Amino acid sequence: MKLRLFIVAAFVGLLATACETMNEESIGQVAGILLNQGGQTEGTKPSTAEVSYGLKESLTSGVIKAVTGLSKTDGFLGNQAIKIFFPPEAIKVEKQLRSLGLGHLCDNFVTSLNRAAEKASSQATPIFVGAIKKMTFTDAMNILMGADGSATNYLVKSTSPEIKKLYNPVIASS
């Protein structure tokens, strides 16, 4: 149960960071790609292939940037938004250990969890890029026109099994 919770936490952190990087700059890149691809001129409607290409390029760029940042030392541990702490069912144990003056053991555990996530993250790029390459035009339009979180939802749906396989051994060994 704890392993599963950790994997989910690490996975969500990775996805959130990857999709967060698709900000105004990335959207601007998509617009630039759409307008410049294939000799497009202002006012010309981009083709479905161009829309799909532009979004895939932006997502790929965001994923690579996010994974590169998360794979570095303190990529998870130094980022309070995605840092992995004790699982909720172990908080009681953590409090007891800290009250006994064993807080350093708790800190070492949290550091170990986050270092494992950083290590596993470095291997995640091909999984995310593969999911982006397999994206259909409908998927691309759902992300582009969808609500906030559409890109995250797509990546969760299309990468979860592979990411879990990636994280399981790394987390178990740490």
Protein backbone atom coordinates (compact mmCIF):
# COMPACT_ATOMS: atom_id res chain seq x y z
CA MET A 1 0.00 0.00 0.00
CA LYS A 2 2.77 2.45 0.92
CA LEU A 3 4.65 1.67 -2.27
CA ARG A 4 1.55 2.27 -4.36
CA LEU A 5 0.88 5.59 -2.59
CA PHE A 6 4.46 6.69 -3.17
CA ILE A 7 4.35 5.78 -6.85
CA VAL A 8 1.13 7.73 -7.30
CA ALA A 9 2.60 10.75 -5.48
CA ALA A 10 5.77 10.70 -7.55
CA PHE A 11 3.83 10.20 -10.76
CA VAL A 12 1.44 13.07 -10.04
CA GLY A 13 4.38 15.32 -9.19
CA LEU A 14 6.10 14.45 -12.42
CA LEU A 15 2.98 15.04 -14.50
CA ALA A 16 2.06 18.26 -12.75
CA THR A 17 5.49 19.68 -13.39
CA ALA A 18 5.53 18.49 -16.99
CA CYS A 19 2.16 20.01 -17.80
CA GLU A 20 2.86 23.16 -15.81
CA THR A 21 5.76 23.90 -18.14
CA MET A 22 3.26 24.26 -20.98
CA ASN A 23 2.74 27.91 -20.06
CA GLU A 24 2.20 31.02 -22.14
CA GLU A 25 5.63 30.61 -23.72
CA SER A 26 4.81 27.06 -24.82
CA ILE A 27 1.40 28.09 -26.11
CA GLY A 28 3.17 30.85 -28.02
CA GLN A 29 5.47 28.22 -29.52
CA VAL A 30 2.44 26.22 -30.63
CA ALA A 31 0.92 29.30 -32.24
CA GLY A 32 4.23 30.09 -33.96
CA ILE A 33 4.57 26.54 -35.23
CA LEU A 34 1.01 26.56 -36.48
CA LEU A 35 1.44 29.83 -38.30
CA ASN A 36 4.87 29.07 -39.77
CA GLN A 37 4.50 25.37 -40.60
CA GLY A 38 3.99 24.72 -44.29
CA GLY A 39 4.00 28.37 -45.32
CA GLN A 40 0.96 29.37 -43.30
CA THR A 41 0.09 33.02 -43.46
CA GLU A 42 -1.83 35.08 -40.97
CA GLY A 43 -5.54 34.37 -41.13
CA THR A 44 -5.11 30.96 -42.76
CA LYS A 45 -6.64 28.13 -40.81
CA PRO A 46 -4.01 25.53 -39.86
CA SER A 47 -4.57 21.97 -40.97
CA THR A 48 -5.33 19.19 -38.50
CA ALA A 49 -1.80 17.87 -39.00
CA GLU A 50 -0.33 21.28 -38.16
CA VAL A 51 -2.43 21.64 -35.00
CA SER A 52 -1.45 18.16 -33.88
CA TYR A 53 2.22 18.75 -34.71
CA GLY A 54 2.33 22.06 -32.85
CA LEU A 55 0.74 20.67 -29.71
CA LYS A 56 2.94 17.57 -29.74
CA GLU A 57 6.06 19.72 -30.08
CA SER A 58 4.98 21.92 -27.17
CA LEU A 59 4.12 18.96 -24.93
CA THR A 60 7.38 17.19 -25.79
CA SER A 61 9.35 20.33 -24.97
CA GLY A 62 7.49 20.70 -21.65
CA VAL A 63 8.02 17.06 -20.70
CA ILE A 64 11.74 17.16 -21.48
CA LYS A 65 12.17 20.37 -19.49
CA ALA A 66 10.20 19.01 -16.53
CA VAL A 67 11.91 15.62 -16.44
CA THR A 68 15.33 17.23 -16.73
CA GLY A 69 14.57 19.46 -13.75
CA LEU A 70 13.03 16.70 -11.65
CA SER A 71 15.88 14.28 -12.36
CA LYS A 72 18.47 16.55 -10.79
CA THR A 73 19.40 16.37 -7.13
CA ASP A 74 16.63 18.12 -5.18
CA GLY A 75 14.28 17.97 -8.19
CA PHE A 76 11.67 16.46 -5.88
CA LEU A 77 13.19 17.07 -2.45
CA GLY A 78 13.78 20.78 -3.07
CA ASN A 79 10.36 21.45 -4.60
CA GLN A 80 7.74 21.84 -1.86
CA ALA A 81 4.92 21.50 -4.39
CA ILE A 82 5.86 17.90 -5.23
CA LYS A 83 8.16 16.82 -2.40
CA ILE A 84 7.17 13.37 -1.16
CA PHE A 85 6.56 13.13 2.57
CA PHE A 86 5.54 10.27 4.85
CA PRO A 87 2.44 8.52 3.57
CA PRO A 88 -0.70 9.52 5.55
CA GLU A 89 -0.93 6.11 7.21
CA ALA A 90 2.63 6.54 8.57
CA ILE A 91 2.29 10.05 10.02
CA LYS A 92 1.59 8.62 13.46
CA VAL A 93 4.86 6.67 13.32
CA GLU A 94 6.74 9.77 12.16
CA LYS A 95 5.38 11.86 15.04
CA GLN A 96 6.33 9.14 17.54
CA LEU A 97 9.86 8.85 16.14
CA ARG A 98 10.33 12.60 16.22
CA SER A 99 9.06 12.77 19.81
CA LEU A 100 11.72 10.19 20.75
CA GLY A 101 14.47 12.34 19.24
CA LEU A 102 14.75 10.21 16.09
CA GLY A 103 13.75 12.91 13.64
CA HIS A 104 16.94 12.30 11.65
CA LEU A 105 15.58 8.84 10.74
CA CYS A 106 12.39 10.44 9.45
CA ASP A 107 14.37 13.00 7.49
CA ASN A 108 16.55 10.24 6.01
CA PHE A 109 13.42 8.32 4.97
CA VAL A 110 11.90 11.35 3.24
CA THR A 111 15.21 12.09 1.53
CA SER A 112 15.46 8.47 0.37
CA LEU A 113 11.94 8.56 -1.10
CA ASN A 114 12.62 11.76 -2.96
CA ARG A 115 16.03 10.64 -4.25
CA ALA A 116 14.37 7.49 -5.59
CA ALA A 117 11.77 9.61 -7.39
CA GLU A 118 14.53 11.78 -8.86
CA LYS A 119 16.39 8.71 -10.06
CA ALA A 120 13.30 7.15 -11.64
CA SER A 121 12.31 10.45 -13.26
CA SER A 122 15.44 10.46 -15.36
CA GLN A 123 14.11 7.39 -17.15
CA ALA A 124 10.60 8.75 -17.74
CA THR A 125 11.23 10.90 -20.82
CA PRO A 126 10.86 8.10 -23.39
CA ILE A 127 7.57 7.02 -21.80
CA PHE A 128 6.07 10.51 -22.01
CA VAL A 129 7.45 11.25 -25.46
CA GLY A 130 6.08 7.91 -26.69
CA ALA A 131 2.63 8.78 -25.38
CA ILE A 132 2.80 12.17 -27.07
CA LYS A 133 3.84 10.63 -30.39
CA LYS A 134 0.89 8.23 -30.22
CA MET A 135 -1.52 11.12 -29.63
CA THR A 136 -4.37 11.30 -32.11
CA PHE A 137 -5.77 14.49 -33.57
CA THR A 138 -8.82 14.09 -31.33
CA ASP A 139 -6.54 13.81 -28.29
CA ALA A 140 -4.66 16.95 -29.37
CA MET A 141 -7.87 18.93 -29.83
CA ASN A 142 -9.23 17.73 -26.48
CA ILE A 143 -6.06 19.04 -24.82
CA LEU A 144 -6.01 22.30 -26.75
CA MET A 145 -9.71 23.08 -26.28
CA GLY A 146 -10.27 21.22 -23.02
CA ALA A 147 -10.40 22.43 -19.47
CA ASP A 148 -7.37 23.01 -17.27
CA GLY A 149 -5.68 19.71 -16.63
CA SER A 150 -6.51 18.21 -20.03
CA ALA A 151 -2.85 17.56 -20.85
CA THR A 152 -2.27 16.02 -17.42
CA ASN A 153 -5.33 13.80 -17.81
CA TYR A 154 -4.14 12.60 -21.21
CA LEU A 155 -0.65 11.81 -19.92
CA VAL A 156 -2.01 10.01 -16.84
CA LYS A 157 -4.29 7.89 -19.00
CA SER A 158 -1.64 7.03 -21.55
CA THR A 159 1.45 6.55 -19.35
CA SER A 160 0.29 5.23 -15.95
CA PRO A 161 1.08 1.52 -16.45
CA GLU A 162 4.58 2.17 -17.83
CA ILE A 163 5.41 4.78 -15.19
CA LYS A 164 4.32 2.42 -12.41
CA LYS A 165 6.57 -0.30 -13.85
CA LEU A 166 9.44 2.18 -13.95
CA TYR A 167 8.98 3.41 -10.38
CA ASN A 168 8.22 0.09 -8.63
CA PRO A 169 11.76 -1.37 -8.64
CA VAL A 170 13.49 1.95 -7.92
CA ILE A 171 11.25 2.69 -4.96
CA ALA A 172 11.40 -0.85 -3.62
CA SER A 173 15.20 -0.83 -3.69
CA SER A 174 15.44 2.51 -1.89
